[in-house]
């Protein structure tokens, strides 16, 4: 009698079984969700990792969508060095660093300091070329709560009714930083940033360049229309 149908989400079974069957050479894996999330055991991110391990970590990221490493006492310099193994790093024009390393952004939140990032989003979709990912390092975390949540946008797309898939197949969205960062800028800063980062359009349904799979690419924080 409820207006919204929930579970069982049987369309996840095939992906769950595919991930169950995967094996890795350089680390062991503990799965964290049916189709998303894995804890990688073995790599020491404070050391210089061999190229073949970096390649396998990248493959695990593509497979599990988000991966975790526990007990990694990374220094800021080691954090950056590890991130650089996966590509060129970007500087965020709106979120400054609290360190001397501009590639790092610090998030420090409390009951008194709320965060506008506490909504479902994909980072920097207002860029013409959004980043392929981000590496988060938990320095001080609460014993309860404060979780960072992740969503499988392959599964979100695959679970849509066919008529919705057909309707959005050829639609694009314009993305802009104005909704999230605009309120903190002066009119002059807005004009300057809009010139530097004119709102791009991205497909609502994208094809991942590594996996070749279709996924939703929408978020209300940055999508305009």
C-alpha atoms as a PDB file:
ATOM      1  CA  UNK A   1       0.000   0.000   0.000  1.00  0.00           C
ATOM      2  CA  UNK A   2       2.967   2.354  -0.027  1.00  0.00           C
ATOM      3  CA  UNK A   3       3.342   4.691  -3.031  1.00  0.00           C
ATOM      4  CA  UNK A   4       7.073   3.924  -3.352  1.00  0.00           C
ATOM      5  CA  UNK A   5       8.245   0.422  -4.206  1.00  0.00           C
ATOM      6  CA  UNK A   6      11.376  -0.716  -2.361  1.00  0.00           C
ATOM      7  CA  UNK A   7      13.502  -3.863  -2.747  1.00  0.00           C
ATOM      8  CA  UNK A   8      14.547  -6.422  -3.335  1.00  0.00           C
ATOM      9  CA  UNK A   9      16.916  -4.731  -5.771  1.00  0.00           C
ATOM     10  CA  UNK A  10      17.502  -7.804  -7.891  1.00  0.00           C
ATOM     11  CA  UNK A  11      19.260  -5.822 -10.625  1.00  0.00           C
ATOM     12  CA  UNK A  12      22.279  -5.632  -8.283  1.00  0.00           C
ATOM     13  CA  UNK A  13      22.796  -9.400  -8.188  1.00  0.00           C
ATOM     14  CA  UNK A  14      24.864  -9.699 -11.368  1.00  0.00           C
ATOM     15  CA  UNK A  15      27.301  -6.966 -10.312  1.00  0.00           C
ATOM     16  CA  UNK A  16      27.552  -8.390  -6.789  1.00  0.00           C
ATOM     17  CA  UNK A  17      28.458 -11.802  -8.173  1.00  0.00           C
ATOM     18  CA  UNK A  18      30.999 -10.293 -10.592  1.00  0.00           C
ATOM     19  CA  UNK A  19      32.756  -8.525  -7.740  1.00  0.00           C
ATOM     20  CA  UNK A  20      32.630 -11.680  -5.588  1.00  0.00           C
ATOM     21  CA  UNK A  21      34.627 -13.512  -8.248  1.00  0.00           C
ATOM     22  CA  UNK A  22      37.436 -10.954  -8.545  1.00  0.00           C
ATOM     23  CA  UNK A  23      40.934 -11.759  -7.267  1.00  0.00           C
ATOM     24  CA  UNK A  24      43.965  -9.518  -6.831  1.00  0.00           C
ATOM     25  CA  UNK A  25      47.706 -10.113  -6.865  1.00  0.00           C
ATOM     26  CA  UNK A  26      49.040  -7.360  -4.593  1.00  0.00           C
ATOM     27  CA  UNK A  27      46.384  -7.047  -1.867  1.00  0.00           C
ATOM     28  CA  UNK A  28      43.441  -8.723  -0.189  1.00  0.00           C
ATOM     29  CA  UNK A  29      39.966  -7.192  -0.267  1.00  0.00           C
ATOM     30  CA  UNK A  30      37.082  -6.945   2.165  1.00  0.00           C
ATOM     31  CA  UNK A  31      33.867  -5.984   0.388  1.00  0.00           C
ATOM     32  CA  UNK A  32      31.770  -3.272   2.070  1.00  0.00           C
ATOM     33  CA  UNK A  33      28.577  -3.216  -0.004  1.00  0.00           C
ATOM     34  CA  UNK A  34      26.670  -5.248  -2.558  1.00  0.00           C
ATOM     35  CA  UNK A  35      28.113  -3.334  -5.513  1.00  0.00           C
ATOM     36  CA  UNK A  36      30.168  -0.484  -4.039  1.00  0.00           C
ATOM     37  CA  UNK A  37      33.022  -0.126  -1.605  1.00  0.00           C
ATOM     38  CA  UNK A  38      36.031  -2.256  -0.688  1.00  0.00           C
ATOM     39  CA  UNK A  39      38.741  -2.212   1.940  1.00  0.00           C
ATOM     40  CA  UNK A  40      42.195  -2.985   0.510  1.00  0.00           C
ATOM     41  CA  UNK A  41      44.605  -4.775   2.859  1.00  0.00           C
ATOM     42  CA  UNK A  42      48.345  -4.734   2.316  1.00  0.00           C
ATOM     43  CA  UNK A  43      49.608  -1.598   0.530  1.00  0.00           C
ATOM     44  CA  UNK A  44      51.628   0.848   2.637  1.00  0.00           C
ATOM     45  CA  UNK A  45      50.747   4.251   1.221  1.00  0.00           C
ATOM     46  CA  UNK A  46      53.598   5.917   3.110  1.00  0.00           C
ATOM     47  CA  UNK A  47      56.114   4.087   0.913  1.00  0.00           C
ATOM     48  CA  UNK A  48      56.910   4.393  -2.796  1.00  0.00           C
ATOM     49  CA  UNK A  49      54.676   1.756  -4.333  1.00  0.00           C
ATOM     50  CA  UNK A  50      55.691  -0.143  -7.493  1.00  0.00           C
ATOM     51  CA  UNK A  51      53.967   0.769 -10.740  1.00  0.00           C
ATOM     52  CA  UNK A  52      52.243  -2.598 -11.020  1.00  0.00           C
ATOM     53  CA  UNK A  53      50.593  -2.078  -7.621  1.00  0.00           C
ATOM     54  CA  UNK A  54      49.366   1.380  -8.637  1.00  0.00           C
ATOM     55  CA  UNK A  55      47.856  -0.125 -11.794  1.00  0.00           C
ATOM     56  CA  UNK A  56      46.051  -2.750  -9.718  1.00  0.00           C
ATOM     57  CA  UNK A  57      44.794  -0.163  -7.208  1.00  0.00           C
ATOM     58  CA  UNK A  58      43.369   1.849 -10.126  1.00  0.00           C
ATOM     59  CA  UNK A  59      41.655  -1.290 -11.416  1.00  0.00           C
ATOM     60  CA  UNK A  60      40.178  -1.935  -7.971  1.00  0.00           C
ATOM     61  CA  UNK A  61      38.869   1.633  -7.864  1.00  0.00           C
ATOM     62  CA  UNK A  62      37.163   1.134 -11.230  1.00  0.00           C
ATOM     63  CA  UNK A  63      35.635  -2.141 -10.032  1.00  0.00           C
ATOM     64  CA  UNK A  64      34.493  -1.193  -6.526  1.00  0.00           C
ATOM     65  CA  UNK A  65      33.830   2.544  -7.242  1.00  0.00           C
ATOM     66  CA  UNK A  66      35.308   3.622  -3.893  1.00  0.00           C
ATOM     67  CA  UNK A  67      38.187   1.992  -2.007  1.00  0.00           C
ATOM     68  CA  UNK A  68      39.551   2.386   1.519  1.00  0.00           C
ATOM     69  CA  UNK A  69      42.924   1.930   3.203  1.00  0.00           C
ATOM     70  CA  UNK A  70      43.075   1.754   7.010  1.00  0.00           C
ATOM     71  CA  UNK A  71      45.802   2.927   9.397  1.00  0.00           C
ATOM     72  CA  UNK A  72      47.821   4.964   6.893  1.00  0.00           C
ATOM     73  CA  UNK A  73      49.664   7.750   8.793  1.00  0.00           C
ATOM     74  CA  UNK A  74      50.290   9.819   5.672  1.00  0.00           C
ATOM     75  CA  UNK A  75      52.084  13.128   5.902  1.00  0.00           C
ATOM     76  CA  UNK A  76      50.704  15.885   3.630  1.00  0.00           C
ATOM     77  CA  UNK A  77      53.673  15.380   1.269  1.00  0.00           C
ATOM     78  CA  UNK A  78      53.064  11.615   1.145  1.00  0.00           C
ATOM     79  CA  UNK A  79      49.365  12.228   0.500  1.00  0.00           C
ATOM     80  CA  UNK A  80      50.225  14.347  -2.533  1.00  0.00           C
ATOM     81  CA  UNK A  81      52.893  11.921  -3.751  1.00  0.00           C
ATOM     82  CA  UNK A  82      50.415   9.027  -3.670  1.00  0.00           C
ATOM     83  CA  UNK A  83      47.742  11.060  -5.456  1.00  0.00           C
ATOM     84  CA  UNK A  84      50.172  12.061  -8.209  1.00  0.00           C
ATOM     85  CA  UNK A  85      50.634   8.406  -9.131  1.00  0.00           C
ATOM     86  CA  UNK A  86      47.142   8.543 -10.669  1.00  0.00           C
ATOM     87  CA  UNK A  87      47.474  11.731 -12.718  1.00  0.00           C
ATOM     88  CA  UNK A  88      47.864  15.467 -12.696  1.00  0.00           C
ATOM     89  CA  UNK A  89      46.489  17.178  -9.603  1.00  0.00           C
ATOM     90  CA  UNK A  90      44.113  20.137  -9.696  1.00  0.00           C
ATOM     91  CA  UNK A  91      43.865  23.200  -7.495  1.00  0.00           C
ATOM     92  CA  UNK A  92      40.383  24.000  -6.221  1.00  0.00           C
ATOM     93  CA  UNK A  93      39.656  27.680  -6.925  1.00  0.00           C
ATOM     94  CA  UNK A  94      37.038  28.019  -4.161  1.00  0.00           C
ATOM     95  CA  UNK A  95      38.282  25.767  -1.356  1.00  0.00           C
ATOM     96  CA  UNK A  96      41.672  26.920  -0.189  1.00  0.00           C
ATOM     97  CA  UNK A  97      44.274  24.850   1.605  1.00  0.00           C
ATOM     98  CA  UNK A  98      45.090  25.353   5.274  1.00  0.00           C
ATOM     99  CA  UNK A  99      48.627  24.191   4.596  1.00  0.00           C
ATOM    100  CA  UNK A 100      51.511  25.288   2.411  1.00  0.00           C
ATOM    101  CA  UNK A 101      50.481  22.619  -0.110  1.00  0.00           C
ATOM    102  CA  UNK A 102      47.798  24.078  -2.386  1.00  0.00           C
ATOM    103  CA  UNK A 103      46.830  20.661  -3.777  1.00  0.00           C
ATOM    104  CA  UNK A 104      45.316  19.760  -0.403  1.00  0.00           C
ATOM    105  CA  UNK A 105      41.963  21.013   0.875  1.00  0.00           C
ATOM    106  CA  UNK A 106      41.128  20.666   4.564  1.00  0.00           C
ATOM    107  CA  UNK A 107      37.581  19.961   5.731  1.00  0.00           C
ATOM    108  CA  UNK A 108      37.097  20.662   9.410  1.00  0.00           C
ATOM    109  CA  UNK A 109      33.502  20.431  10.630  1.00  0.00           C
ATOM    110  CA  UNK A 110      31.701  20.382  13.976  1.00  0.00           C
ATOM    111  CA  UNK A 111      28.277  21.022  15.428  1.00  0.00           C
ATOM    112  CA  UNK A 112      29.115  24.719  15.189  1.00  0.00           C
ATOM    113  CA  UNK A 113      30.647  24.576  11.680  1.00  0.00           C
ATOM    114  CA  UNK A 114      28.248  22.926   9.259  1.00  0.00           C
ATOM    115  CA  UNK A 115      29.144  21.827   5.741  1.00  0.00           C
ATOM    116  CA  UNK A 116      27.398  22.479   2.459  1.00  0.00           C
ATOM    117  CA  UNK A 117      29.118  19.343   1.155  1.00  0.00           C
ATOM    118  CA  UNK A 118      26.636  17.335   3.248  1.00  0.00           C
ATOM    119  CA  UNK A 119      24.472  16.608   0.221  1.00  0.00           C
ATOM    120  CA  UNK A 120      24.759  14.061  -2.565  1.00  0.00           C
ATOM    121  CA  UNK A 121      27.166  15.383  -5.186  1.00  0.00           C
ATOM    122  CA  UNK A 122      30.052  14.582  -7.494  1.00  0.00           C
ATOM    123  CA  UNK A 123      33.013  16.912  -7.133  1.00  0.00           C
ATOM    124  CA  UNK A 124      33.740  19.790  -9.549  1.00  0.00           C
ATOM    125  CA  UNK A 125      31.188  18.842 -12.193  1.00  0.00           C
ATOM    126  CA  UNK A 126      31.241  22.564 -13.049  1.00  0.00           C
ATOM    127  CA  UNK A 127      34.622  22.003 -14.713  1.00  0.00           C
ATOM    128  CA  UNK A 128      34.831  21.258 -18.427  1.00  0.00           C
ATOM    129  CA  UNK A 129      37.021  18.290 -17.430  1.00  0.00           C
ATOM    130  CA  UNK A 130      35.969  17.168 -13.941  1.00  0.00           C
ATOM    131  CA  UNK A 131      38.512  15.299 -11.851  1.00  0.00           C
ATOM    132  CA  UNK A 132      38.564  11.498 -12.049  1.00  0.00           C
ATOM    133  CA  UNK A 133      38.452  11.204  -8.277  1.00  0.00           C
ATOM    134  CA  UNK A 134      39.665  12.410  -4.905  1.00  0.00           C
ATOM    135  CA  UNK A 135      41.770  10.933  -2.112  1.00  0.00           C
ATOM    136  CA  UNK A 136      40.446  11.684   1.366  1.00  0.00           C
ATOM    137  CA  UNK A 137      42.603  11.223   4.482  1.00  0.00           C
ATOM    138  CA  UNK A 138      40.789  11.064   7.813  1.00  0.00           C
ATOM    139  CA  UNK A 139      42.913  12.845  10.424  1.00  0.00           C
ATOM    140  CA  UNK A 140      40.497  13.255  13.335  1.00  0.00           C
ATOM    141  CA  UNK A 141      37.112  11.547  13.140  1.00  0.00           C
ATOM    142  CA  UNK A 142      34.343  11.084  15.717  1.00  0.00           C
ATOM    143  CA  UNK A 143      33.803   7.687  17.298  1.00  0.00           C
ATOM    144  CA  UNK A 144      30.144   7.819  16.216  1.00  0.00           C
ATOM    145  CA  UNK A 145      28.707   9.571  13.153  1.00  0.00           C
ATOM    146  CA  UNK A 146      30.466  11.907  10.770  1.00  0.00           C
ATOM    147  CA  UNK A 147      30.372   9.318   8.005  1.00  0.00           C
ATOM    148  CA  UNK A 148      31.119  10.077   4.374  1.00  0.00           C
ATOM    149  CA  UNK A 149      28.587   8.252   2.202  1.00  0.00           C
ATOM    150  CA  UNK A 150      28.969   7.020  -1.367  1.00  0.00           C
ATOM    151  CA  UNK A 151      26.411   6.024  -4.006  1.00  0.00           C
ATOM    152  CA  UNK A 152      26.738   3.592  -6.926  1.00  0.00           C
ATOM    153  CA  UNK A 153      25.548   5.605  -9.906  1.00  0.00           C
ATOM    154  CA  UNK A 154      25.735   2.558 -12.199  1.00  0.00           C
ATOM    155  CA  UNK A 155      23.162   0.856  -9.969  1.00  0.00           C
ATOM    156  CA  UNK A 156      21.096   4.046  -9.768  1.00  0.00           C
ATOM    157  CA  UNK A 157      20.908   4.184 -13.568  1.00  0.00           C
ATOM    158  CA  UNK A 158      20.269   0.472 -14.027  1.00  0.00           C
ATOM    159  CA  UNK A 159      17.396   0.586 -11.522  1.00  0.00           C
ATOM    160  CA  UNK A 160      15.465   3.273 -13.406  1.00  0.00           C
ATOM    161  CA  UNK A 161      12.265   2.376 -15.265  1.00  0.00           C
ATOM    162  CA  UNK A 162      12.866   1.908 -18.995  1.00  0.00           C
ATOM    163  CA  UNK A 163      10.677   4.891 -19.885  1.00  0.00           C
ATOM    164  CA  UNK A 164      12.850   7.143 -17.707  1.00  0.00           C
ATOM    165  CA  UNK A 165      16.030   5.766 -19.293  1.00  0.00           C
ATOM    166  CA  UNK A 166      14.598   6.525 -22.721  1.00  0.00           C
ATOM    167  CA  UNK A 167      13.587  10.057 -21.695  1.00  0.00           C
ATOM    168  CA  UNK A 168      17.011  11.021 -20.321  1.00  0.00           C
ATOM    169  CA  UNK A 169      19.181   9.147 -22.809  1.00  0.00           C
ATOM    170  CA  UNK A 170      19.936  12.152 -25.019  1.00  0.00           C
ATOM    171  CA  UNK A 171      19.604  14.947 -22.423  1.00  0.00           C
ATOM    172  CA  UNK A 172      22.454  17.150 -21.212  1.00  0.00           C
ATOM    173  CA  UNK A 173      22.695  19.180 -18.013  1.00  0.00           C
ATOM    174  CA  UNK A 174      24.388  22.518 -17.592  1.00  0.00           C
ATOM    175  CA  UNK A 175      26.548  22.610 -14.463  1.00  0.00           C
ATOM    176  CA  UNK A 176      27.603  25.691 -12.526  1.00  0.00           C
ATOM    177  CA  UNK A 177      29.464  26.538  -9.320  1.00  0.00           C
ATOM    178  CA  UNK A 178      27.061  29.431  -8.658  1.00  0.00           C
ATOM    179  CA  UNK A 179      24.545  27.487  -6.526  1.00  0.00           C
ATOM    180  CA  UNK A 180      27.160  26.297  -4.056  1.00  0.00           C
ATOM    181  CA  UNK A 181      29.980  28.833  -4.135  1.00  0.00           C
ATOM    182  CA  UNK A 182      28.260  31.883  -5.640  1.00  0.00           C
ATOM    183  CA  UNK A 183      26.729  33.115  -2.347  1.00  0.00           C
ATOM    184  CA  UNK A 184      30.239  33.535  -0.916  1.00  0.00           C
ATOM    185  CA  UNK A 185      31.526  35.656  -3.822  1.00  0.00           C
ATOM    186  CA  UNK A 186      31.256  39.346  -4.627  1.00  0.00           C
ATOM    187  CA  UNK A 187      29.754  40.388  -7.943  1.00  0.00           C
ATOM    188  CA  UNK A 188      33.252  41.040  -9.273  1.00  0.00           C
ATOM    189  CA  UNK A 189      34.465  37.634  -8.146  1.00  0.00           C
ATOM    190  CA  UNK A 190      31.437  35.944  -9.711  1.00  0.00           C
ATOM    191  CA  UNK A 191      32.115  37.618 -13.054  1.00  0.00           C
ATOM    192  CA  UNK A 192      35.783  36.672 -12.925  1.00  0.00           C
ATOM    193  CA  UNK A 193      35.112  33.060 -11.986  1.00  0.00           C
ATOM    194  CA  UNK A 194      32.377  32.670 -14.596  1.00  0.00           C
ATOM    195  CA  UNK A 195      34.877  33.801 -17.186  1.00  0.00           C
ATOM    196  CA  UNK A 196      37.442  31.298 -15.907  1.00  0.00           C
ATOM    197  CA  UNK A 197      34.896  28.484 -15.451  1.00  0.00           C
ATOM    198  CA  UNK A 198      31.984  29.015 -17.860  1.00  0.00           C
ATOM    199  CA  UNK A 199      29.162  26.546 -17.142  1.00  0.00           C
ATOM    200  CA  UNK A 200      29.788  23.346 -19.147  1.00  0.00           C
ATOM    201  CA  UNK A 201      27.231  20.782 -20.249  1.00  0.00           C
ATOM    202  CA  UNK A 202      27.590  17.088 -19.434  1.00  0.00           C
ATOM    203  CA  UNK A 203      25.312  14.190 -20.398  1.00  0.00           C
ATOM    204  CA  UNK A 204      22.819  13.083 -17.763  1.00  0.00           C
ATOM    205  CA  UNK A 205      23.836   9.520 -18.653  1.00  0.00           C
ATOM    206  CA  UNK A 206      27.567   9.116 -19.200  1.00  0.00           C
ATOM    207  CA  UNK A 207      29.726   6.226 -20.367  1.00  0.00           C
ATOM    208  CA  UNK A 208      32.641   5.643 -17.994  1.00  0.00           C
ATOM    209  CA  UNK A 209      35.924   5.928 -19.868  1.00  0.00           C
ATOM    210  CA  UNK A 210      37.512   2.964 -18.039  1.00  0.00           C
ATOM    211  CA  UNK A 211      34.670   0.482 -17.579  1.00  0.00           C
ATOM    212  CA  UNK A 212      32.534   1.415 -20.579  1.00  0.00           C
ATOM    213  CA  UNK A 213      29.436   1.222 -18.374  1.00  0.00           C
ATOM    214  CA  UNK A 214      26.566   3.695 -18.339  1.00  0.00           C
ATOM    215  CA  UNK A 215      25.934   5.746 -15.195  1.00  0.00           C
ATOM    216  CA  UNK A 216      23.941   8.745 -13.985  1.00  0.00           C
ATOM    217  CA  UNK A 217      25.856  12.032 -13.760  1.00  0.00           C
ATOM    218  CA  UNK A 218      23.534  14.387 -11.922  1.00  0.00           C
ATOM    219  CA  UNK A 219      23.595  16.315  -8.665  1.00  0.00           C
ATOM    220  CA  UNK A 220      21.450  19.183  -7.470  1.00  0.00           C
ATOM    221  CA  UNK A 221      24.395  21.042  -5.926  1.00  0.00           C
ATOM    222  CA  UNK A 222      25.961  21.906  -9.283  1.00  0.00           C
ATOM    223  CA  UNK A 223      23.390  21.060 -11.975  1.00  0.00           C
ATOM    224  CA  UNK A 224      21.530  24.085 -13.291  1.00  0.00           C
ATOM    225  CA  UNK A 225      19.135  22.947 -16.040  1.00  0.00           C
END
